[in-house]
Amino acid sequence: MDTRLNRPLQNLDDWRGSYSIGSVSSTELDKMEAILQIVGIIHNLPCWNSQDWVEDALRYLKY
């Protein structure tokens, strides 16, 4: 996982929009990063993509 804080997107043409789902205090960022690092990435499954990763990540962060 590559954590980027306060860095603009490198390729704005790839930007597809966003949706705010919550906020994280600066004191909780380390905990959030640790949780996100354990979210798995599925290889060799054509129907799995980054949107599935985001869904899994949100599920991990919920609890």
N, C-alpha and C. Protein backbone atom coordinates (compact mmCIF):
# COMPACT_ATOMS: atom_id res chain seq x y z
N MET A 1 0.85 -1.17 0.00
CA MET A 1 0.00 0.00 0.00
C MET A 1 0.89 1.23 0.00
N ASP A 2 0.56 2.19 -0.82
CA ASP A 2 1.31 3.44 -0.91
C ASP A 2 0.46 4.54 -0.29
N THR A 3 0.87 5.02 0.87
CA THR A 3 0.13 6.08 1.55
C THR A 3 0.61 7.43 1.05
N ARG A 4 -0.32 8.23 0.58
CA ARG A 4 0.02 9.57 0.09
C ARG A 4 -0.81 10.58 0.87
N LEU A 5 -0.13 11.45 1.55
CA LEU A 5 -0.81 12.50 2.30
C LEU A 5 -0.51 13.85 1.68
N ASN A 6 -1.54 14.63 1.45
CA ASN A 6 -1.40 15.99 0.94
C ASN A 6 -0.61 16.07 -0.36
N ARG A 7 -0.83 15.10 -1.25
CA ARG A 7 -0.20 15.12 -2.55
C ARG A 7 -1.28 15.13 -3.62
N PRO A 8 -1.18 16.02 -4.58
CA PRO A 8 -2.20 16.06 -5.64
C PRO A 8 -2.09 14.81 -6.52
N LEU A 9 -3.18 14.49 -7.21
CA LEU A 9 -3.17 13.37 -8.13
C LEU A 9 -2.16 13.61 -9.23
N GLN A 10 -1.47 12.55 -9.64
CA GLN A 10 -0.45 12.69 -10.68
C GLN A 10 -1.07 12.81 -12.06
N ASN A 11 -2.18 12.13 -12.30
CA ASN A 11 -2.81 12.16 -13.61
C ASN A 11 -4.29 12.51 -13.42
N LEU A 12 -4.60 13.76 -13.55
CA LEU A 12 -5.97 14.22 -13.33
C LEU A 12 -6.96 13.63 -14.32
N ASP A 13 -6.48 13.17 -15.49
CA ASP A 13 -7.39 12.57 -16.47
C ASP A 13 -7.96 11.24 -15.96
N ASP A 14 -7.27 10.59 -15.03
CA ASP A 14 -7.76 9.33 -14.47
C ASP A 14 -8.75 9.54 -13.34
N TRP A 15 -8.93 10.75 -12.90
CA TRP A 15 -9.81 11.05 -11.78
C TRP A 15 -11.25 10.78 -12.17
N ARG A 16 -11.94 9.96 -11.38
CA ARG A 16 -13.31 9.60 -11.71
C ARG A 16 -14.31 10.11 -10.69
N GLY A 17 -13.89 10.94 -9.79
CA GLY A 17 -14.80 11.49 -8.81
C GLY A 17 -14.60 10.89 -7.43
N SER A 18 -15.39 11.37 -6.51
CA SER A 18 -15.24 10.88 -5.14
C SER A 18 -16.56 11.04 -4.40
N TYR A 19 -16.60 10.43 -3.25
CA TYR A 19 -17.76 10.53 -2.39
C TYR A 19 -17.27 10.49 -0.95
N SER A 20 -17.62 11.46 -0.18
CA SER A 20 -17.19 11.51 1.21
C SER A 20 -18.01 10.52 2.02
N ILE A 21 -17.33 9.66 2.76
CA ILE A 21 -18.03 8.65 3.57
C ILE A 21 -17.71 8.79 5.05
N GLY A 22 -16.86 9.74 5.38
CA GLY A 22 -16.53 9.94 6.78
C GLY A 22 -15.27 10.76 6.93
N SER A 23 -14.81 10.83 8.14
CA SER A 23 -13.57 11.57 8.41
C SER A 23 -12.75 10.80 9.44
N VAL A 24 -11.47 11.08 9.44
CA VAL A 24 -10.54 10.43 10.36
C VAL A 24 -9.69 11.51 11.00
N SER A 25 -9.62 11.48 12.31
CA SER A 25 -8.79 12.47 13.00
C SER A 25 -7.32 12.13 12.78
N SER A 26 -6.47 13.11 12.89
CA SER A 26 -5.04 12.89 12.69
C SER A 26 -4.47 11.89 13.70
N THR A 27 -5.10 11.78 14.85
CA THR A 27 -4.62 10.83 15.86
C THR A 27 -4.99 9.39 15.50
N GLU A 28 -5.94 9.21 14.59
CA GLU A 28 -6.38 7.87 14.19
C GLU A 28 -5.81 7.41 12.85
N LEU A 29 -5.01 8.26 12.19
CA LEU A 29 -4.49 7.90 10.88
C LEU A 29 -3.61 6.66 10.91
N ASP A 30 -2.75 6.53 11.91
CA ASP A 30 -1.88 5.36 11.98
C ASP A 30 -2.70 4.07 12.10
N LYS A 31 -3.75 4.12 12.91
CA LYS A 31 -4.61 2.94 13.08
C LYS A 31 -5.32 2.61 11.76
N MET A 32 -5.79 3.63 11.07
CA MET A 32 -6.47 3.42 9.79
C MET A 32 -5.51 2.81 8.77
N GLU A 33 -4.29 3.31 8.69
CA GLU A 33 -3.30 2.76 7.76
C GLU A 33 -3.02 1.30 8.07
N ALA A 34 -2.90 0.96 9.35
CA ALA A 34 -2.64 -0.43 9.74
C ALA A 34 -3.79 -1.34 9.31
N ILE A 35 -5.00 -0.87 9.47
CA ILE A 35 -6.17 -1.66 9.06
C ILE A 35 -6.18 -1.85 7.55
N LEU A 36 -5.92 -0.79 6.80
CA LEU A 36 -5.96 -0.88 5.34
C LEU A 36 -4.88 -1.79 4.79
N GLN A 37 -3.77 -1.90 5.50
CA GLN A 37 -2.69 -2.76 5.02
C GLN A 37 -3.04 -4.24 5.10
N ILE A 38 -4.03 -4.61 5.89
CA ILE A 38 -4.40 -6.02 5.98
C ILE A 38 -5.54 -6.40 5.03
N VAL A 39 -6.07 -5.43 4.32
CA VAL A 39 -7.13 -5.72 3.35
C VAL A 39 -6.49 -6.44 2.17
N GLY A 40 -7.00 -7.60 1.85
CA GLY A 40 -6.40 -8.43 0.81
C GLY A 40 -6.64 -7.93 -0.60
N ILE A 41 -5.74 -8.34 -1.48
CA ILE A 41 -5.86 -8.10 -2.91
C ILE A 41 -5.99 -9.46 -3.58
N ILE A 42 -7.02 -9.63 -4.37
CA ILE A 42 -7.29 -10.90 -5.03
C ILE A 42 -6.66 -10.86 -6.43
N HIS A 43 -5.78 -11.81 -6.70
CA HIS A 43 -5.15 -11.91 -8.02
C HIS A 43 -5.80 -13.03 -8.83
N ASN A 44 -5.71 -12.92 -10.12
CA ASN A 44 -6.17 -13.96 -11.06
C ASN A 44 -7.67 -14.27 -10.93
N LEU A 45 -8.45 -13.27 -10.60
CA LEU A 45 -9.90 -13.40 -10.59
C LEU A 45 -10.46 -12.23 -11.39
N PRO A 46 -10.79 -12.44 -12.66
CA PRO A 46 -11.18 -11.35 -13.56
C PRO A 46 -12.32 -10.48 -13.05
N CYS A 47 -13.22 -11.04 -12.26
CA CYS A 47 -14.37 -10.24 -11.81
C CYS A 47 -14.04 -9.38 -10.59
N TRP A 48 -12.83 -9.51 -10.03
CA TRP A 48 -12.43 -8.74 -8.85
C TRP A 48 -11.63 -7.53 -9.30
N ASN A 49 -11.94 -6.35 -8.72
CA ASN A 49 -11.19 -5.15 -9.10
C ASN A 49 -11.03 -4.22 -7.91
N SER A 50 -10.53 -3.04 -8.17
CA SER A 50 -10.25 -2.09 -7.09
C SER A 50 -11.51 -1.67 -6.34
N GLN A 51 -12.64 -1.68 -7.01
CA GLN A 51 -13.89 -1.33 -6.32
C GLN A 51 -14.22 -2.38 -5.26
N ASP A 52 -13.90 -3.62 -5.53
CA ASP A 52 -14.10 -4.67 -4.54
C ASP A 52 -13.17 -4.45 -3.34
N TRP A 53 -11.93 -4.00 -3.63
CA TRP A 53 -11.00 -3.72 -2.53
C TRP A 53 -11.55 -2.61 -1.64
N VAL A 54 -12.08 -1.57 -2.25
CA VAL A 54 -12.64 -0.46 -1.48
C VAL A 54 -13.80 -0.94 -0.62
N GLU A 55 -14.66 -1.78 -1.18
CA GLU A 55 -15.77 -2.32 -0.41
C GLU A 55 -15.27 -3.13 0.79
N ASP A 56 -14.26 -3.96 0.56
CA ASP A 56 -13.66 -4.74 1.66
C ASP A 56 -13.03 -3.82 2.69
N ALA A 57 -12.31 -2.80 2.23
CA ALA A 57 -11.65 -1.86 3.14
C ALA A 57 -12.67 -1.16 4.03
N LEU A 58 -13.77 -0.72 3.45
CA LEU A 58 -14.80 -0.05 4.25
C LEU A 58 -15.39 -1.00 5.28
N ARG A 59 -15.53 -2.25 4.91
CA ARG A 59 -16.05 -3.24 5.85
C ARG A 59 -15.09 -3.41 7.03
N TYR A 60 -13.79 -3.49 6.75
CA TYR A 60 -12.78 -3.59 7.80
C TYR A 60 -12.81 -2.36 8.72
N LEU A 61 -12.93 -1.20 8.12
CA LEU A 61 -12.90 0.05 8.90
C LEU A 61 -14.15 0.25 9.74
N LYS A 62 -15.23 -0.38 9.33
CA LYS A 62 -16.50 -0.21 10.05
C LYS A 62 -16.41 -0.79 11.46
N TYR A 63 -15.64 -1.85 11.63
CA TYR A 63 -15.59 -2.54 12.93
C TYR A 63 -14.35 -2.28 13.70
